[in-house]
Structures are given as structure tokens and as C-alpha cells.
Amino acid sequence: MNLLNRISDRVPPYVALIPVCVGVFVAADDQTVIVTVLPQIMLDMEVPITEIDHASWAITGYLLGYLVGMPLIGRVSDVWGHRRLYILSVLAFMIGSVAVALTQSLNWMIAARVFQAIGAGALVPIAIAIVGDLFPRGKRALPLGIVGAAAEAGGVIGPLWGGVIIRYLDWRWVFWINIPLAVLTIALILLMLRPSPRFPASIDVVGGALVAAALTCTTLAFSRIGSFDWLGGAFVAGAVLSLFLFILRQRSVTAPLLPPAMFRVLAFVTANITHLLVGAALIIGMVTVPLMANTVMGRTPLEGGLWLMRMTAGIPVGAFLGGLMAQRLDLRFPAAAGLVFSAIGYWLVSGWGLDIGEPQLTLHLLVVGFGFGLLIVPIALAGTETVGEDIRATAASMVTALRIVGMTFGVAALTAWGVARFDVLASDIRLPLAEATQTRAEAQAQIDQFTDRVNDAGLTLFQEFFVIAAVVCLIAVIPAVLMIVNKTAARRPPIPTGDADVLRDRQGDA
């Protein structure tokens, strides 16, 4: 280990960041790769199309696992060392990948995906904290942009990667390929990344379990918002109870999982609110763009996926440029600019007709994605630079989790409101009934008119979705301009986190 430490001490920080970005990229890739391989999985496991809602838990379960472990694992990494927990998270992701590849049933695969996602979900907040280990304050914006670009690029490449794999190989190879990538990542981290500072403290495992329960119940409640029943009510009650017990515990323990003082820092609070709104606005586009293409536009699923890629391709570009801007400017400028860009892009998309073509299609979607990319670094900086060095990963996990909560709420609210709104738009549309006196041409004309009116109602609904997304982006500008991180904030002492302040010593995680 001493030899490895001597080697890593000589590695330039940007080079040491490479394996961190590789891990983040692969984890993000697995979040979206499932979209293209799920039909093949259903066929292989003989899952009927009528159980698509059950099969979709291969996607939902990953998001759930990605979310629920973040706060606790983030705190553990602050205490035990960021490098150590990053390696353990990659190992968990690798074991989960093996379990998915070996599974023979859908239920076991869903369970394996949840376990895989717990490791994957920890990588982004720990990577953000590792940037703080490698770079001094004031020099972290660009490397954060690189990490953000890697994460978003993985999400963009995922569906294409899955399509290539199932074209030439079995779907299980999507997960088998993760193994050598994970081993390579761990080896490079041990070789290139110096041991992280550690801040010994008690870990509030009970608090972590309560916040995980609250996040799980909230996610499940959102998933049932369109057909709210007694089970949905039970999830809401569970979320409220878990949150209440969590707050009580945080006020009573000496080393809380989320120190209450964090929530008295304006930049941290507004970064979380901004990310919550960004998650809701982003998911509207990610769901609506391919859905609109495949329905009222009459395009193939492949074309719908390529439309979405036009939007998501702009995100890593924006993330990198956002890092450059945040390095030189007040971070509120790229944050507000990104939200305005995305709002303008959504407004342009809301004006699409059924005959939309190039170059408008690509340009409008790129503007949306580019705007969301600009936000990544400012939000990460506001969420981590104004808290103590000993809780960077904890703060980063909170900020990251709020975006996923926003996405979950956004898609649930979109579904519930969309169904009700379409009923209103289509209320005066009547199914054409054939009459004995009608000619074939007249009957066909009636059917065509009916189809056109349904498509018009659907197009209007999708246009309204994009207007709503634009409005959410503009609302998010308000908390974004309050994310004040200045030299005074950068020098502020660490927020007290209980016995971490007594026991703090910067020993490396061997």
C-alpha cells in the first residue's frame, strides 16, 4: 500500500480523475441501457406483454436503488474515506451486474438491479467529493464539469450501446461487460488516486434507514399517483411517518446523518430546491419527446430514441462548458443561463407541428439539453462548497437525490394530469359508427377525420407538456439566483457534525 501511495502521489489530479469518470460513466450507462434490452429480456424470460408494468420494474427498481442508499453511503464515505467507499461501491455494482447476468427470472433480475443500483447511485456523490480531495477550493468547477459530462454521456450512450449488444450478442453481455470495466476502474483508482482524508465520527445507521424508507415510500407513492388507492395512501403515510421519525432522530443524536446546520446555509438549500425542479423539468422532456414521436408523429421507436438523443447529447457538452464558466464567473450566471436556455428550447418545441423537420428538430432539442448541462456544475458547487469539508459527500448525495425525487414526481404528475387533460381535449370526439347508407369512401373519410382529431388532441397535450416544462425551468431561476457562493462562503469553517469535530484527523484510507 505504501508503494501505491507513493505512485498515486505523483499522478496529476486530472489524470487521477480518469478512473473516477470511468466508473460514473459505466453506472450511468446501465441506468439507460435497460431501455433497449428490456424487450429481449421479456422474450427470453417468457414474460407476456400484459405484464409490461411488472417488467418495467427493471427500470424503476434501478432508479429506486440508485436513490435510497445515497444519503447513508455519502455519510459513510465522509467518515471512512471517499476512495475506499468508491471502490466498495464499484464492487457492489459489479456483483449486482453478475447477479443480473446470471438470473433466470424477472423477479430475481429486479432484485439484482436494485442491488446493482445501490452501488451505482453512490458513485456520483462520492465522485463529487473526490474532486474536493484532488483540487483546492476555487479550482473545482472544471473537474466537476468533467465528472458531470461523464455521467451524462453514459446516459446518452446507454440505449445505443444496448442496441449494439443485442444486435450481435445476447442481452446478458450488457452486464457481463461491466465486470472487466469495474476491475479496471478499481485497479486504476488504487494506482492513481491518493488516499482520501477521513473524518472519524459516529454513523447514524438508524437515520439512514429512516431516510431510505422515506425516499422509498415517496417514490412508490408517486408511481401510483395516476390511480391513487389504499396502497398509494399507505405509501404516503409511510413517507410522512418515516420523515417525521427521521427529523426527530436528527434533533436528538450527537452525530446526525444530515446536520441541521446544513439547512441554514442558503446556497445549500437553494441548490437542492433548484435540482428538485430541474429533475421535474428534465423528465418531462425525456418522456414526452420519444412518446410524441412514436404516437402523433407516427415515427418508429428507433426514430423516437434518436430524437431523445438529440436532446441528451447537449447535456454533457453543456456540463463541460458550465464547468469552464463556473471557474471564471459567479456560478449563478451559468445556472440561470442554463435554465433560460432550457425554457427557450422547450418553448420552441411546444410550437412543433406534425410536419416538424430538420434543422429545427435538432436545434431545438439541443438547446434544451445544453441548458440542462450548464446547470450541473453550479448546483454541485453550491451544494458542496458552502458546507464543511467533512460532509462533502453527504451534501453531494443530498443534492443528487433531490434531482431523482424531482424526476419521479415529474413523471407521476405528468401521467396523472395528462390523462385528465386528454379526456377534456377529446371530450367532443366521437367514435365514427358505420351507417348502412354510407359508401366505403365516406366511411373511410369519417375514420380519417376521427384519427386527425385524436392526433390533434394528442399534439395539443404534448405541446402543453413542453410549456409546463418551460414554466418549471423559469420558476427554478428564482432559487438558482440565490445560490450565492463567494470567497467568504468558501472560507467558512466546517459545519458542526457532532463528534466528527472532536475526532477529525486527516488520516488516509490505506
Protein backbone atom coordinates (compact mmCIF):
# COMPACT_ATOMS: atom_id res chain seq x y z
CA MET A 1 0.00 0.00 0.00
CA ASN A 2 2.88 2.37 0.74
CA LEU A 3 4.20 1.78 -2.79
CA LEU A 4 0.75 2.51 -4.25
CA ASN A 5 0.53 5.67 -2.17
CA ARG A 6 3.91 6.86 -3.45
CA ILE A 7 2.80 6.21 -7.03
CA SER A 8 -0.55 7.95 -6.60
CA ASP A 9 1.12 10.99 -5.03
CA ARG A 10 2.92 11.57 -8.35
CA VAL A 11 -0.21 11.31 -10.51
CA PRO A 12 -1.57 14.70 -11.70
CA PRO A 13 -5.08 15.42 -10.38
CA TYR A 14 -6.74 15.45 -13.81
CA VAL A 15 -5.18 12.08 -14.64
CA ALA A 16 -6.35 10.67 -11.29
CA LEU A 17 -9.86 11.81 -12.21
CA ILE A 18 -9.97 9.46 -15.23
CA PRO A 19 -10.89 6.19 -13.41
CA VAL A 20 -13.43 8.10 -11.30
CA CYS A 21 -15.12 9.28 -14.50
CA VAL A 22 -15.00 5.77 -15.99
CA GLY A 23 -16.93 4.40 -13.01
CA VAL A 24 -19.50 7.18 -13.19
CA PHE A 25 -19.87 6.67 -16.96
CA VAL A 26 -20.48 2.91 -16.69
CA ALA A 27 -23.01 3.33 -13.86
CA ALA A 28 -24.94 5.97 -15.81
CA ASP A 29 -24.82 3.77 -18.92
CA ASP A 30 -26.53 0.94 -17.02
CA GLN A 31 -29.30 3.30 -15.96
CA THR A 32 -30.45 3.74 -19.56
CA VAL A 33 -29.13 0.65 -21.38
CA ILE A 34 -32.03 -1.38 -19.99
CA VAL A 35 -34.48 0.57 -22.17
CA THR A 36 -33.31 -1.11 -25.37
CA VAL A 37 -32.65 -4.59 -23.95
CA LEU A 38 -35.85 -4.94 -21.90
CA PRO A 39 -37.93 -6.35 -24.82
CA GLN A 40 -35.27 -9.04 -25.37
CA ILE A 41 -35.24 -9.81 -21.63
CA MET A 42 -39.03 -10.22 -21.63
CA LEU A 43 -38.81 -12.56 -24.62
CA ASP A 44 -36.02 -14.61 -23.08
CA MET A 45 -37.82 -14.95 -19.73
CA GLU A 46 -41.19 -15.57 -21.40
CA VAL A 47 -42.81 -12.52 -19.82
CA PRO A 48 -46.06 -11.69 -21.67
CA ILE A 49 -46.69 -8.17 -22.94
CA THR A 50 -49.60 -7.92 -20.50
CA GLU A 51 -47.01 -7.85 -17.69
CA ILE A 52 -45.07 -4.91 -19.09
CA ASP A 53 -45.83 -2.93 -15.92
CA HIS A 54 -44.11 -5.67 -13.90
CA ALA A 55 -41.18 -5.83 -16.30
CA SER A 56 -40.77 -2.05 -16.15
CA TRP A 57 -39.59 -2.50 -12.56
CA ALA A 58 -36.24 -3.45 -14.08
CA ILE A 59 -36.05 0.30 -14.81
CA THR A 60 -37.94 1.63 -11.79
CA GLY A 61 -36.08 -0.66 -9.38
CA TYR A 62 -32.75 0.67 -10.61
CA LEU A 63 -33.89 4.25 -10.02
CA LEU A 64 -35.15 3.28 -6.56
CA GLY A 65 -31.90 1.57 -5.59
CA TYR A 66 -29.95 4.45 -7.11
CA LEU A 67 -31.79 6.85 -4.81
CA VAL A 68 -32.35 5.23 -1.43
CA GLY A 69 -28.77 4.42 -0.46
CA MET A 70 -27.29 7.80 -1.37
CA PRO A 71 -27.56 9.73 1.92
CA LEU A 72 -26.21 6.94 4.14
CA ILE A 73 -23.43 5.88 1.76
CA GLY A 74 -22.45 9.51 1.24
CA ARG A 75 -22.07 9.93 5.00
CA VAL A 76 -20.16 6.67 5.36
CA SER A 77 -17.71 7.79 2.66
CA ASP A 78 -17.06 11.05 4.54
CA VAL A 79 -16.19 9.02 7.64
CA TRP A 80 -14.34 6.06 6.13
CA GLY A 81 -12.76 7.79 3.15
CA HIS A 82 -14.07 8.64 -0.30
CA ARG A 83 -11.64 6.41 -2.19
CA ARG A 84 -12.44 3.38 -0.05
CA LEU A 85 -16.22 3.78 -0.45
CA TYR A 86 -15.88 4.46 -4.17
CA ILE A 87 -14.08 1.13 -4.57
CA LEU A 88 -16.68 -0.67 -2.43
CA SER A 89 -19.48 0.91 -4.47
CA VAL A 90 -17.87 -0.25 -7.72
CA LEU A 91 -17.61 -3.75 -6.20
CA ALA A 92 -21.31 -3.67 -5.28
CA PHE A 93 -22.15 -2.55 -8.81
CA MET A 94 -20.01 -5.38 -10.23
CA ILE A 95 -21.62 -8.04 -8.01
CA GLY A 96 -25.05 -6.73 -9.00
CA SER A 97 -24.07 -6.94 -12.67
CA VAL A 98 -23.04 -10.58 -12.25
CA ALA A 99 -26.33 -11.33 -10.50
CA VAL A 100 -28.33 -9.72 -13.31
CA ALA A 101 -26.39 -11.63 -15.97
CA LEU A 102 -26.95 -14.96 -14.18
CA THR A 103 -30.60 -14.52 -13.27
CA GLN A 104 -33.25 -16.74 -14.84
CA SER A 105 -36.38 -14.99 -13.57
CA LEU A 106 -37.74 -11.47 -13.77
CA ASN A 107 -38.22 -11.07 -10.01
CA TRP A 108 -34.63 -12.05 -9.27
CA MET A 109 -33.41 -9.75 -12.01
CA ILE A 110 -35.32 -6.81 -10.49
CA ALA A 111 -33.81 -7.57 -7.07
CA ALA A 112 -30.34 -7.76 -8.62
CA ARG A 113 -30.92 -4.45 -10.43
CA VAL A 114 -31.81 -2.78 -7.13
CA PHE A 115 -28.60 -4.08 -5.51
CA GLN A 116 -26.58 -3.04 -8.56
CA ALA A 117 -28.09 0.44 -8.39
CA ILE A 118 -27.21 0.94 -4.72
CA GLY A 119 -23.56 0.75 -5.72
CA ALA A 120 -24.08 2.83 -8.85
CA GLY A 121 -26.03 5.54 -7.05
CA ALA A 122 -23.20 6.15 -4.61
CA LEU A 123 -20.64 6.81 -7.34
CA VAL A 124 -21.77 10.29 -8.44
CA PRO A 125 -21.87 11.97 -4.99
CA ILE A 126 -18.62 10.27 -3.95
CA ALA A 127 -17.04 11.36 -7.24
CA ILE A 128 -18.07 14.95 -6.48
CA ALA A 129 -16.42 14.61 -3.06
CA ILE A 130 -13.27 13.13 -4.62
CA VAL A 131 -12.98 16.25 -6.78
CA GLY A 132 -12.72 18.15 -3.48
CA ASP A 133 -9.91 15.81 -2.39
CA LEU A 134 -7.96 16.34 -5.60
CA PHE A 135 -8.49 20.05 -6.22
CA PRO A 136 -8.44 23.09 -3.90
CA ARG A 137 -11.42 25.38 -3.46
CA GLY A 138 -11.76 27.72 -6.39
CA LYS A 139 -10.34 25.11 -8.79
CA ARG A 140 -13.12 22.52 -8.64
CA ALA A 141 -15.56 23.82 -11.25
CA LEU A 142 -13.86 22.38 -14.35
CA PRO A 143 -13.22 18.90 -12.88
CA LEU A 144 -16.82 18.83 -11.66
CA GLY A 145 -17.84 19.64 -15.22
CA ILE A 146 -15.79 16.69 -16.45
CA VAL A 147 -17.45 14.35 -13.92
CA GLY A 148 -20.89 15.70 -14.88
CA ALA A 149 -20.13 15.28 -18.58
CA ALA A 150 -19.03 11.66 -17.98
CA ALA A 151 -22.25 10.88 -16.11
CA GLU A 152 -24.48 12.44 -18.75
CA ALA A 153 -22.52 10.89 -21.63
CA GLY A 154 -23.07 7.47 -20.07
CA GLY A 155 -26.81 8.08 -20.03
CA VAL A 156 -26.71 9.17 -23.68
CA ILE A 157 -24.66 6.19 -24.87
CA GLY A 158 -26.65 3.59 -22.88
CA PRO A 159 -29.53 2.97 -25.30
CA LEU A 160 -27.20 2.85 -28.31
CA TRP A 161 -24.81 0.51 -26.50
CA GLY A 162 -27.69 -1.80 -25.61
CA GLY A 163 -28.88 -1.81 -29.21
CA VAL A 164 -25.43 -2.76 -30.50
CA ILE A 165 -25.03 -5.57 -27.94
CA ILE A 166 -28.38 -7.25 -28.64
CA ARG A 167 -27.76 -6.97 -32.37
CA TYR A 168 -24.65 -9.15 -32.16
CA LEU A 169 -24.75 -10.84 -28.72
CA ASP A 170 -27.13 -11.99 -26.00
CA TRP A 171 -28.59 -9.28 -23.72
CA ARG A 172 -26.67 -10.72 -20.76
CA TRP A 173 -23.45 -9.43 -22.29
CA VAL A 174 -24.60 -5.91 -21.47
CA PHE A 175 -23.94 -6.82 -17.84
CA TRP A 176 -21.01 -9.22 -18.32
CA ILE A 177 -19.04 -6.42 -19.97
CA ASN A 178 -19.36 -4.41 -16.76
CA ILE A 179 -17.05 -6.86 -14.98
CA PRO A 180 -13.74 -6.08 -16.73
CA LEU A 181 -14.63 -2.38 -16.74
CA ALA A 182 -15.23 -2.46 -12.97
CA VAL A 183 -11.99 -4.39 -12.32
CA LEU A 184 -10.05 -1.92 -14.48
CA THR A 185 -11.65 1.01 -12.65
CA ILE A 186 -10.71 -0.38 -9.22
CA ALA A 187 -7.14 -1.13 -10.31
CA LEU A 188 -6.64 2.35 -11.74
CA ILE A 189 -8.13 4.01 -8.65
CA LEU A 190 -5.75 2.08 -6.38
CA LEU A 191 -2.85 3.04 -8.61
CA MET A 192 -3.71 6.66 -9.44
CA LEU A 193 -5.88 8.07 -6.66
CA ARG A 194 -4.22 9.04 -3.41
CA PRO A 195 -5.95 8.05 -0.14
CA SER A 196 -8.79 10.38 0.83
CA PRO A 197 -8.93 12.36 4.07
CA ARG A 198 -11.03 10.66 6.73
CA PHE A 199 -13.18 12.34 9.36
CA PRO A 200 -13.91 9.72 12.04
CA ALA A 201 -17.37 10.08 13.52
CA SER A 202 -20.38 8.04 14.51
CA ILE A 203 -22.59 6.94 11.62
CA ASP A 204 -26.32 7.27 12.15
CA VAL A 205 -27.42 3.97 10.59
CA VAL A 206 -30.94 4.29 12.00
CA GLY A 207 -31.24 7.74 10.45
CA GLY A 208 -30.01 6.31 7.15
CA ALA A 209 -32.64 3.57 7.29
CA LEU A 210 -35.37 6.12 8.05
CA VAL A 211 -34.42 8.43 5.19
CA ALA A 212 -34.19 5.41 2.86
CA ALA A 213 -37.68 4.36 3.95
CA ALA A 214 -38.99 7.89 3.40
CA LEU A 215 -37.46 8.06 -0.09
CA THR A 216 -38.75 4.58 -0.98
CA CYS A 217 -42.30 5.33 0.17
CA THR A 218 -42.26 8.70 -1.60
CA THR A 219 -41.11 7.12 -4.86
CA LEU A 220 -43.73 4.36 -4.66
CA ALA A 221 -46.46 6.87 -3.79
CA PHE A 222 -45.53 8.97 -6.82
CA SER A 223 -45.65 5.86 -9.01
CA ARG A 224 -49.32 5.37 -8.06
CA ILE A 225 -50.43 8.98 -8.34
CA GLY A 226 -52.41 8.29 -11.51
CA SER A 227 -54.52 5.54 -9.90
CA PHE A 228 -54.37 6.50 -6.25
CA ASP A 229 -55.77 3.77 -4.00
CA TRP A 230 -55.38 2.47 -0.46
CA LEU A 231 -51.87 1.24 -1.25
CA GLY A 232 -50.88 4.68 -2.50
CA GLY A 233 -52.29 6.14 0.71
CA ALA A 234 -50.24 3.66 2.73
CA PHE A 235 -47.08 4.75 0.91
CA VAL A 236 -47.86 8.41 1.63
CA ALA A 237 -48.44 7.59 5.31
CA GLY A 238 -45.19 5.62 5.39
CA ALA A 239 -43.27 8.50 3.83
CA VAL A 240 -44.70 11.05 6.28
CA LEU A 241 -44.08 8.80 9.30
CA SER A 242 -40.51 7.96 8.22
CA LEU A 243 -39.71 11.62 7.60
CA PHE A 244 -41.19 12.64 10.96
CA LEU A 245 -39.17 9.98 12.81
CA PHE A 246 -36.05 10.96 10.85
CA ILE A 247 -36.40 14.62 11.84
CA LEU A 248 -36.90 13.66 15.49
CA ARG A 249 -33.80 11.48 15.39
CA GLN A 250 -31.65 14.15 13.73
CA ARG A 251 -32.54 16.52 16.56
CA SER A 252 -31.62 14.02 19.26
CA VAL A 253 -28.39 12.31 18.14
CA THR A 254 -24.93 13.83 18.58
CA ALA A 255 -23.79 12.95 15.04
CA PRO A 256 -26.84 13.29 12.76
CA LEU A 257 -26.83 11.87 9.25
CA LEU A 258 -27.79 15.28 7.82
CA PRO A 259 -26.60 18.01 10.21
CA PRO A 260 -29.44 20.52 10.74
CA ALA A 261 -26.94 23.35 10.29
CA MET A 262 -26.69 22.40 6.60
CA PHE A 263 -30.23 23.58 6.09
CA ARG A 264 -29.42 27.02 7.46
CA VAL A 265 -26.99 27.60 4.57
CA LEU A 266 -28.92 29.43 1.85
CA ALA A 267 -26.78 28.19 -1.05
CA PHE A 268 -27.19 24.56 0.00
CA VAL A 269 -30.96 24.84 0.42
CA THR A 270 -31.49 26.69 -2.87
CA ALA A 271 -29.24 24.23 -4.72
CA ASN A 272 -31.47 21.39 -3.53
CA ILE A 273 -34.66 23.23 -4.48
CA THR A 274 -33.23 24.07 -7.90
CA HIS A 275 -32.21 20.47 -8.53
CA LEU A 276 -35.65 19.22 -7.49
CA LEU A 277 -37.28 21.49 -10.08
CA VAL A 278 -34.64 20.65 -12.69
CA GLY A 279 -35.38 16.93 -12.24
CA ALA A 280 -39.10 17.54 -12.83
CA ALA A 281 -38.48 19.68 -15.92
CA LEU A 282 -35.90 17.30 -17.38
CA ILE A 283 -38.05 14.18 -17.09
CA ILE A 284 -40.92 15.90 -18.91
CA GLY A 285 -38.73 16.19 -21.98
CA MET A 286 -37.18 12.74 -21.65
CA VAL A 287 -40.60 11.09 -21.51
CA THR A 288 -42.54 13.32 -23.90
CA VAL A 289 -40.08 13.59 -26.81
CA PRO A 290 -39.99 9.86 -27.74
CA LEU A 291 -43.65 9.38 -26.79
CA MET A 292 -44.74 12.19 -29.11
CA ALA A 293 -42.54 10.84 -31.90
CA ASN A 294 -44.00 7.32 -31.58
CA THR A 295 -47.66 8.38 -31.37
CA VAL A 296 -48.98 11.51 -33.05
CA MET A 297 -45.88 11.93 -35.23
CA GLY A 298 -46.08 8.34 -36.48
CA ARG A 299 -42.34 7.67 -36.14
CA THR A 300 -40.69 4.35 -35.28
CA PRO A 301 -39.32 3.60 -31.78
CA LEU A 302 -35.80 3.93 -33.21
CA GLU A 303 -36.57 7.40 -34.55
CA GLY A 304 -38.10 8.36 -31.20
CA GLY A 305 -34.92 7.25 -29.46
CA LEU A 306 -32.80 9.26 -31.88
CA TRP A 307 -34.95 12.33 -31.19
CA LEU A 308 -34.27 11.93 -27.48
CA MET A 309 -30.56 11.52 -28.18
CA ARG A 310 -30.56 14.93 -29.84
CA MET A 311 -31.71 16.38 -26.53
CA THR A 312 -29.47 14.37 -24.20
CA ALA A 313 -26.40 14.85 -26.42
CA GLY A 314 -26.38 18.52 -25.49
CA ILE A 315 -26.17 17.79 -21.74
CA PRO A 316 -22.51 16.63 -21.49
CA VAL A 317 -21.43 19.49 -23.75
CA GLY A 318 -23.25 21.95 -21.51
CA ALA A 319 -21.79 20.30 -18.39
CA PHE A 320 -18.22 20.80 -19.60
CA LEU A 321 -18.82 24.40 -20.67
CA GLY A 322 -20.72 25.05 -17.44
CA GLY A 323 -17.62 23.96 -15.54
CA LEU A 324 -15.47 26.40 -17.51
CA MET A 325 -17.93 29.23 -16.88
CA ALA A 326 -18.29 28.48 -13.16
CA GLN A 327 -14.48 28.53 -12.85
CA ARG A 328 -14.38 32.13 -14.05
CA LEU A 329 -17.79 33.63 -13.30
CA ASP A 330 -20.30 33.84 -10.50
CA LEU A 331 -21.87 30.38 -10.65
CA ARG A 332 -25.36 31.90 -10.62
CA PHE A 333 -24.77 33.12 -14.17
CA PRO A 334 -24.38 29.69 -15.85
CA ALA A 335 -27.16 28.32 -13.60
CA ALA A 336 -29.67 30.99 -14.61
CA ALA A 337 -28.47 30.94 -18.23
CA GLY A 338 -28.92 27.16 -18.39
CA LEU A 339 -32.48 27.37 -17.09
CA VAL A 340 -33.34 30.12 -19.55
CA PHE A 341 -31.79 28.12 -22.41
CA SER A 342 -33.85 25.05 -21.49
CA ALA A 343 -37.02 27.15 -21.11
CA ILE A 344 -36.48 28.68 -24.56
CA GLY A 345 -35.79 25.24 -26.03
CA TYR A 346 -38.96 23.80 -24.52
CA TRP A 347 -40.96 26.81 -25.75
CA LEU A 348 -39.65 26.23 -29.28
CA VAL A 349 -40.50 22.52 -29.07
CA SER A 350 -44.03 23.39 -27.87
CA GLY A 351 -44.60 25.07 -31.23
CA TRP A 352 -43.88 21.93 -33.26
CA GLY A 353 -46.45 20.79 -35.77
CA LEU A 354 -46.89 17.32 -37.20
CA ASP A 355 -44.61 18.29 -40.08
CA ILE A 356 -41.59 19.31 -37.97
CA GLY A 357 -38.32 18.62 -39.73
CA GLU A 358 -34.65 19.49 -39.78
CA PRO A 359 -32.80 21.58 -38.79
CA GLN A 360 -35.40 22.89 -36.32
CA LEU A 361 -35.91 19.49 -34.68
CA THR A 362 -32.24 19.00 -33.82
CA LEU A 363 -31.53 22.63 -32.91
CA HIS A 364 -34.50 22.96 -30.55
CA LEU A 365 -33.71 19.73 -28.70
CA LEU A 366 -30.01 20.55 -28.46
CA VAL A 367 -30.88 23.90 -26.84
CA VAL A 368 -32.94 22.09 -24.19
CA GLY A 369 -30.18 19.61 -23.37
CA PHE A 370 -27.40 22.20 -23.48
CA GLY A 371 -29.27 24.33 -20.94
CA PHE A 372 -29.64 21.43 -18.53
CA GLY A 373 -25.94 20.67 -18.90
CA LEU A 374 -24.93 24.20 -17.91
CA LEU A 375 -26.63 23.67 -14.54
CA ILE A 376 -24.71 20.62 -13.38
CA VAL A 377 -21.56 22.26 -12.03
CA PRO A 378 -23.18 25.37 -10.46
CA ILE A 379 -25.60 23.19 -8.50
CA ALA A 380 -22.84 20.79 -7.41
CA LEU A 381 -20.67 23.69 -6.26
CA ALA A 382 -23.47 25.45 -4.40
CA GLY A 383 -24.41 22.20 -2.70
CA THR A 384 -20.90 21.25 -1.57
CA GLU A 385 -18.67 24.33 -1.34
CA THR A 386 -20.70 26.02 1.39
CA VAL A 387 -20.65 23.08 3.81
CA GLY A 388 -17.82 21.52 5.76
CA GLU A 389 -15.06 19.55 4.10
CA ASP A 390 -16.02 16.62 6.32
CA ILE A 391 -19.54 16.30 4.85
CA ARG A 392 -18.91 16.92 1.14
CA ALA A 393 -20.16 13.50 0.01
CA THR A 394 -23.16 13.75 2.35
CA ALA A 395 -24.11 17.10 0.83
CA ALA A 396 -23.49 15.85 -2.71
CA SER A 397 -25.68 12.80 -2.11
CA MET A 398 -28.50 15.03 -0.88
CA VAL A 399 -28.31 17.28 -3.94
CA THR A 400 -28.16 14.30 -6.31
CA ALA A 401 -31.06 12.53 -4.60
CA LEU A 402 -33.30 15.60 -4.89
CA ARG A 403 -32.95 15.57 -8.68
CA ILE A 404 -34.14 11.95 -8.80
CA VAL A 405 -37.05 12.76 -6.48
CA GLY A 406 -37.95 15.61 -8.83
CA MET A 407 -37.84 13.26 -11.81
CA THR A 408 -40.04 10.74 -10.03
CA PHE A 409 -42.58 13.39 -9.08
CA GLY A 410 -42.43 14.94 -12.56
CA VAL A 411 -43.27 11.75 -14.42
CA ALA A 412 -46.01 10.84 -11.92
CA ALA A 413 -47.65 14.27 -12.08
CA LEU A 414 -47.27 14.32 -15.86
CA THR A 415 -49.06 11.00 -16.19
CA ALA A 416 -51.91 11.89 -13.85
CA TRP A 417 -52.52 15.36 -15.28
CA GLY A 418 -52.02 14.17 -18.86
CA VAL A 419 -54.74 11.52 -18.64
CA ALA A 420 -57.24 14.00 -17.21
CA ARG A 421 -56.29 16.71 -19.71
CA PHE A 422 -56.56 14.38 -22.71
CA ASP A 423 -60.07 13.39 -21.59
CA VAL A 424 -61.00 17.09 -21.73
CA LEU A 425 -59.36 17.68 -25.11
CA ALA A 426 -61.02 14.60 -26.62
CA SER A 427 -64.39 15.01 -24.89
CA ASP A 428 -66.21 16.08 -28.08
CA ILE A 429 -64.59 13.44 -30.30
CA ARG A 430 -66.97 10.61 -31.11
CA LEU A 431 -66.02 7.21 -32.46
CA PRO A 432 -67.37 7.03 -36.03
CA LEU A 433 -70.13 4.46 -36.47
CA ALA A 434 -70.78 2.94 -39.87
CA GLU A 435 -74.19 3.59 -41.40
CA ALA A 436 -75.97 1.39 -43.91
CA THR A 437 -76.31 4.25 -46.40
CA GLN A 438 -72.60 5.17 -46.31
CA THR A 439 -70.24 4.37 -49.14
CA ARG A 440 -66.81 2.91 -48.40
CA ALA A 441 -65.20 6.26 -49.26
CA GLU A 442 -67.48 8.14 -46.85
CA ALA A 443 -66.75 5.68 -44.05
CA GLN A 444 -63.01 5.98 -44.65
CA ALA A 445 -63.28 9.77 -44.65
CA GLN A 446 -65.02 9.60 -41.26
CA ILE A 447 -62.27 7.38 -39.86
CA ASP A 448 -59.57 9.70 -41.21
CA GLN A 449 -61.32 12.70 -39.66
CA PHE A 450 -61.55 10.87 -36.33
CA THR A 451 -57.84 9.96 -36.46
CA ASP A 452 -56.87 13.54 -37.31
CA ARG A 453 -58.88 14.92 -34.41
CA VAL A 454 -57.37 12.43 -31.96
CA ASN A 455 -53.88 13.28 -33.22
CA ASP A 456 -54.63 16.99 -32.89
CA ALA A 457 -55.75 16.45 -29.29
CA GLY A 458 -52.61 14.44 -28.57
CA LEU A 459 -50.38 17.05 -30.19
CA THR A 460 -52.03 19.79 -28.13
CA LEU A 461 -51.43 17.77 -24.97
CA PHE A 462 -47.75 17.25 -25.78
CA GLN A 463 -47.34 20.93 -26.61
CA GLU A 464 -48.81 21.80 -23.21
CA PHE A 465 -46.37 19.38 -21.55
CA PHE A 466 -43.47 21.33 -23.04
CA VAL A 467 -44.98 24.66 -21.97
CA ILE A 468 -45.24 23.32 -18.42
CA ALA A 469 -41.60 22.21 -18.55
CA ALA A 470 -40.59 25.69 -19.73
CA VAL A 471 -42.51 27.28 -16.85
CA VAL A 472 -40.86 24.93 -14.33
CA CYS A 473 -37.44 25.96 -15.69
CA LEU A 474 -38.29 29.63 -15.26
CA ILE A 475 -39.55 29.04 -11.71
CA ALA A 476 -36.24 27.31 -10.95
CA VAL A 477 -34.39 30.52 -11.85
CA ILE A 478 -35.60 32.01 -8.53
CA PRO A 479 -33.73 29.60 -6.21
CA ALA A 480 -30.85 29.41 -8.71
CA VAL A 481 -30.02 33.12 -8.38
CA LEU A 482 -29.92 32.66 -4.59
CA MET A 483 -27.12 30.06 -4.81
CA ILE A 484 -24.53 32.52 -3.52
CA VAL A 485 -21.04 31.06 -3.22
CA ASN A 486 -18.36 33.70 -2.68
CA LYS A 487 -14.92 33.88 -1.12
CA THR A 488 -16.39 34.32 2.32
CA ALA A 489 -18.51 31.21 1.87
CA ALA A 490 -15.52 29.28 0.58
CA ARG A 491 -13.56 30.07 3.74
CA ARG A 492 -16.35 29.31 6.17
CA PRO A 493 -15.44 26.68 8.79
CA PRO A 494 -16.93 23.22 8.54
CA ILE A 495 -20.49 22.85 9.75
CA PRO A 496 -20.51 21.02 13.09
CA THR A 497 -21.49 17.41 12.58
CA GLY A 498 -21.22 16.10 16.10
CA ASP A 499 -18.25 14.05 17.21
CA ALA A 500 -16.55 14.50 13.82
CA ASP A 501 -15.35 17.88 15.09
CA VAL A 502 -13.72 16.24 18.07
CA LEU A 503 -12.22 13.25 16.30
CA ARG A 504 -11.31 14.81 12.96
CA ASP A 505 -7.92 13.78 11.70
CA ARG A 506 -6.81 13.59 8.13
CA GLN A 507 -5.61 10.02 8.04
CA GLY A 508 -5.60 8.26 4.68
CA ASP A 509 -7.71 5.23 3.87
CA ALA A 510 -4.94 2.74 3.22
